[in-house]
Protein backbone atom coordinates (compact mmCIF):
# COMPACT_ATOMS: atom_id res chain seq x y z
CA MET A 1 70.61 -19.80 155.67
CA ARG A 2 68.52 -22.28 157.61
CA TYR A 3 69.57 -25.88 158.15
CA ASP A 4 66.55 -27.37 156.31
CA ARG A 5 67.32 -25.27 153.25
CA GLU A 6 70.95 -26.42 153.29
CA ARG A 7 69.84 -30.05 153.30
CA ILE A 8 67.37 -29.51 150.44
CA ILE A 9 69.97 -27.67 148.36
CA LYS A 10 72.48 -30.48 148.94
CA ILE A 11 70.00 -33.09 147.65
CA ILE A 12 69.05 -31.05 144.57
CA ASP A 13 72.67 -30.14 143.81
CA LYS A 14 73.54 -33.84 143.89
CA MET A 15 70.79 -34.55 141.34
CA LEU A 16 71.98 -31.72 139.08
CA ASP A 17 75.63 -32.81 139.35
CA ASP A 18 74.66 -36.37 138.41
CA ALA A 19 72.76 -35.03 135.41
CA ARG A 20 75.85 -33.22 134.18
CA ARG A 21 77.86 -36.45 134.33
CA ARG A 22 75.21 -38.89 133.08
CA GLY A 23 73.11 -36.62 130.88
CA ILE A 24 69.88 -37.41 132.75
CA TYR A 25 68.29 -36.18 135.95
CA GLN A 26 68.15 -38.84 138.66
CA THR A 27 64.72 -37.68 139.81
CA ASP A 28 63.81 -40.97 141.52
CA GLU A 29 66.91 -40.76 143.73
CA CYS A 30 66.24 -37.08 144.46
CA ILE A 31 62.61 -37.75 145.36
CA ASN A 32 63.62 -40.66 147.59
CA GLU A 33 66.16 -38.48 149.42
CA LEU A 34 63.67 -35.61 149.82
CA GLU A 35 61.03 -38.05 151.07
CA LYS A 36 63.50 -39.44 153.60
CA LEU A 37 64.38 -35.90 154.70
CA VAL A 38 60.69 -35.11 155.30
CA GLY A 39 60.30 -38.32 157.32
CA ASP A 40 63.43 -37.56 159.34
CA VAL A 41 62.23 -34.03 160.05
CA ARG A 42 58.85 -35.36 161.22
CA ALA A 43 60.53 -37.86 163.54
CA GLU A 44 62.82 -35.14 164.85
CA ALA A 45 59.82 -32.86 165.52
CA ILE A 46 57.95 -35.61 167.38
CA SER A 47 61.02 -36.35 169.49
CA HIS A 48 61.43 -32.65 170.22
CA THR A 49 57.78 -32.37 171.29
CA TRP A 50 58.06 -35.28 173.70
CA THR A 51 61.32 -33.95 175.10
CA GLU A 52 59.75 -30.53 175.68
CA ALA A 53 56.71 -32.06 177.39
CA CYS A 54 58.83 -34.27 179.65
CA SER A 55 61.16 -31.39 180.49
CA ALA A 56 58.23 -29.18 181.45
CA TYR A 57 56.78 -31.95 183.59
CA ASN A 58 60.14 -32.52 185.31
CA ARG A 59 60.29 -28.80 186.14
CA GLY A 60 56.88 -29.07 187.79
CA LEU A 61 55.03 -27.43 184.91
CA ASP A 62 51.93 -28.80 183.23
CA PRO A 63 52.75 -29.41 179.54
CA ARG A 64 49.04 -29.08 178.74
CA ASN A 65 49.40 -25.35 179.43
CA VAL A 66 51.81 -24.86 176.53
CA THR A 67 49.96 -23.81 173.39
CA ILE A 68 50.62 -25.50 170.09
CA PRO A 69 51.82 -22.27 168.40
CA GLN A 70 54.38 -21.79 171.19
CA LEU A 71 55.60 -25.36 170.77
CA VAL A 72 55.76 -25.09 166.97
CA LEU A 73 57.77 -21.86 167.19
CA LYS A 74 60.22 -23.36 169.70
CA ALA A 75 60.61 -26.53 167.62
CA SER A 76 61.20 -24.51 164.46
CA GLU A 77 63.88 -22.41 166.15
CA ASP A 78 65.55 -25.41 167.78
CA LEU A 79 65.43 -27.83 164.85
CA ASN A 80 65.97 -25.43 161.95
CA PRO A 81 68.53 -22.92 163.20
CA LYS A 82 70.05 -20.17 161.11
CA ARG A 83 73.55 -21.16 160.11
CA GLU A 84 76.42 -19.12 158.83
C-alpha cells in the first residue's frame, strides 16, 4: 500500500468511526483533513523539487536538463513510497 493511500484511509476511517458513535458523518471535519492533506502534499512536492534542483546544481549538473516527467516520477517514488 502506498503512503498517500494510508493517510486517506486513516482520515475516512476516522469519519466513519465518529459516525458510528454519534450517528452522523462528520463530513466537514473529513473534508478539512483531506484538504489539509492535499495542501501538505503540494508543499512537500514543491520542497522536493527545489531540493532536487539544488542537489543537481551542487553536483555540477544543470537542473534545466531534467525533464518534468523524470522529476514527477522521482517525486512520486520518493514522497509516496510503497509500505508494508
